[in-house]
């Protein structure tokens, strides 16, 4: 009897993972890693962002819609406020069946972040 209960337990456990896996994958895709990328600012302004990957080798451009959220050091700012060479995280999302920039977050340099922390 215990053997059958143990088998039933593992079957239910396996079914739970099988059913919840697509939901977890969809939440991860919408939320973070699957649709974000990090890099460095080359040029920003006029609705356009030019950036490189973290190594500085691959350069690419983004059209940035006016309703995109842009954060500099955790505070709202404009596209023109992004500093050349600063590290950014760009989040992409779907709008009218197109992939567009929804958020740009400029990372605060470590030296500035340490000074900003309350003691």
Protein backbone atom coordinates (compact mmCIF):
# COMPACT_ATOMS: atom_id res chain seq x y z
CA UNK A 1 0.00 0.00 0.00
CA UNK A 2 2.77 2.42 0.87
CA UNK A 3 4.52 1.58 -2.39
CA UNK A 4 1.41 2.55 -4.40
CA UNK A 5 0.99 5.77 -2.42
CA UNK A 6 4.61 6.65 -3.13
CA UNK A 7 4.11 6.01 -6.83
CA UNK A 8 0.97 8.11 -6.85
CA UNK A 9 2.82 10.92 -5.08
CA UNK A 10 5.57 11.00 -7.73
CA UNK A 11 3.03 10.89 -10.57
CA UNK A 12 1.15 13.86 -9.08
CA UNK A 13 4.43 15.71 -8.51
CA UNK A 14 5.54 15.11 -12.11
CA UNK A 15 2.17 16.27 -13.46
CA UNK A 16 2.37 19.42 -11.34
CA UNK A 17 5.75 20.34 -12.82
CA UNK A 18 4.60 19.44 -16.32
CA UNK A 19 1.50 21.64 -16.09
CA UNK A 20 3.21 24.59 -14.37
CA UNK A 21 6.34 24.72 -16.57
CA UNK A 22 4.74 26.74 -19.44
CA UNK A 23 3.30 29.24 -16.96
CA UNK A 24 6.67 29.69 -15.26
CA UNK A 25 8.44 30.07 -18.60
CA UNK A 26 5.95 32.71 -19.74
CA UNK A 27 6.35 34.67 -16.52
CA UNK A 28 10.15 34.57 -16.80
CA UNK A 29 9.99 35.72 -20.43
CA UNK A 30 7.77 38.69 -19.62
CA UNK A 31 9.63 39.61 -16.48
CA UNK A 32 13.37 39.66 -16.89
CA UNK A 33 16.16 37.65 -18.33
CA UNK A 34 14.56 36.48 -21.55
CA UNK A 35 13.84 39.96 -22.87
CA UNK A 36 16.53 42.16 -21.35
CA UNK A 37 20.10 42.81 -22.34
CA UNK A 38 22.95 44.80 -20.86
CA UNK A 39 25.41 47.02 -22.59
CA UNK A 40 27.07 50.43 -22.74
CA UNK A 41 25.70 53.68 -24.14
CA UNK A 42 27.37 54.96 -27.32
CA UNK A 43 24.80 57.64 -28.15
CA UNK A 44 21.30 58.49 -26.89
CA UNK A 45 18.79 61.11 -27.94
CA UNK A 46 16.11 61.99 -30.44
CA UNK A 47 14.25 58.72 -29.93
CA UNK A 48 17.33 56.62 -30.78
CA UNK A 49 19.72 54.62 -28.62
CA UNK A 50 23.03 53.27 -29.88
CA UNK A 51 24.70 50.80 -27.56
CA UNK A 52 27.31 48.07 -27.49
CA UNK A 53 27.37 44.76 -25.72
CA UNK A 54 29.28 44.61 -22.42
CA UNK A 55 32.55 43.85 -24.21
CA UNK A 56 32.15 46.92 -26.42
CA UNK A 57 32.44 44.92 -29.63
CA UNK A 58 28.92 44.49 -31.03
CA UNK A 59 27.12 47.78 -31.61
CA UNK A 60 23.40 48.02 -32.30
CA UNK A 61 20.60 50.59 -32.40
CA UNK A 62 17.15 50.83 -30.86
CA UNK A 63 14.24 53.11 -31.61
CA UNK A 64 13.00 54.30 -28.22
CA UNK A 65 9.31 55.22 -28.05
CA UNK A 66 8.30 58.31 -26.09
CA UNK A 67 6.39 56.20 -23.55
CA UNK A 68 9.43 54.05 -22.61
CA UNK A 69 10.45 54.25 -18.96
CA UNK A 70 14.00 55.55 -18.55
CA UNK A 71 15.75 55.45 -15.18
CA UNK A 72 19.08 57.04 -14.29
CA UNK A 73 20.38 55.86 -10.93
CA UNK A 74 16.89 54.69 -10.01
CA UNK A 75 15.20 58.01 -10.82
CA UNK A 76 13.12 58.89 -13.88
CA UNK A 77 15.08 60.72 -16.54
CA UNK A 78 15.08 61.34 -20.28
CA UNK A 79 16.87 59.53 -23.08
CA UNK A 80 19.24 62.48 -23.47
CA UNK A 81 20.26 62.09 -19.78
CA UNK A 82 21.96 58.73 -20.41
CA UNK A 83 25.72 59.19 -20.22
CA UNK A 84 28.05 57.88 -22.92
CA UNK A 85 29.87 54.80 -21.61
CA UNK A 86 27.42 54.11 -18.80
CA UNK A 87 26.09 50.59 -18.29
CA UNK A 88 22.43 50.13 -19.12
CA UNK A 89 19.86 47.36 -19.08
CA UNK A 90 17.33 47.51 -21.90
CA UNK A 91 14.00 45.73 -21.51
CA UNK A 92 12.06 44.80 -24.62
CA UNK A 93 8.33 44.11 -24.85
CA UNK A 94 5.55 43.57 -27.37
CA UNK A 95 3.42 46.45 -28.61
CA UNK A 96 1.08 46.00 -31.58
CA UNK A 97 2.87 42.76 -32.53
CA UNK A 98 6.25 44.53 -32.63
CA UNK A 99 9.14 44.21 -30.22
CA UNK A 100 9.93 47.63 -28.76
CA UNK A 101 11.99 49.12 -25.94
CA UNK A 102 9.81 49.45 -22.85
CA UNK A 103 12.42 50.34 -20.25
CA UNK A 104 16.03 51.51 -20.03
CA UNK A 105 17.79 51.43 -16.68
CA UNK A 106 21.16 53.12 -16.30
CA UNK A 107 23.21 51.45 -13.59
CA UNK A 108 24.71 53.70 -10.99
CA UNK A 109 28.52 53.40 -10.83
CA UNK A 110 29.66 51.48 -7.73
CA UNK A 111 31.53 54.47 -6.31
CA UNK A 112 28.38 56.61 -6.53
CA UNK A 113 26.18 53.81 -5.19
CA UNK A 114 28.40 53.42 -2.11
CA UNK A 115 28.24 57.16 -1.40
CA UNK A 116 24.45 57.16 -1.80
CA UNK A 117 23.89 54.42 0.79
CA UNK A 118 22.85 55.74 4.22
CA UNK A 119 25.33 55.05 6.99
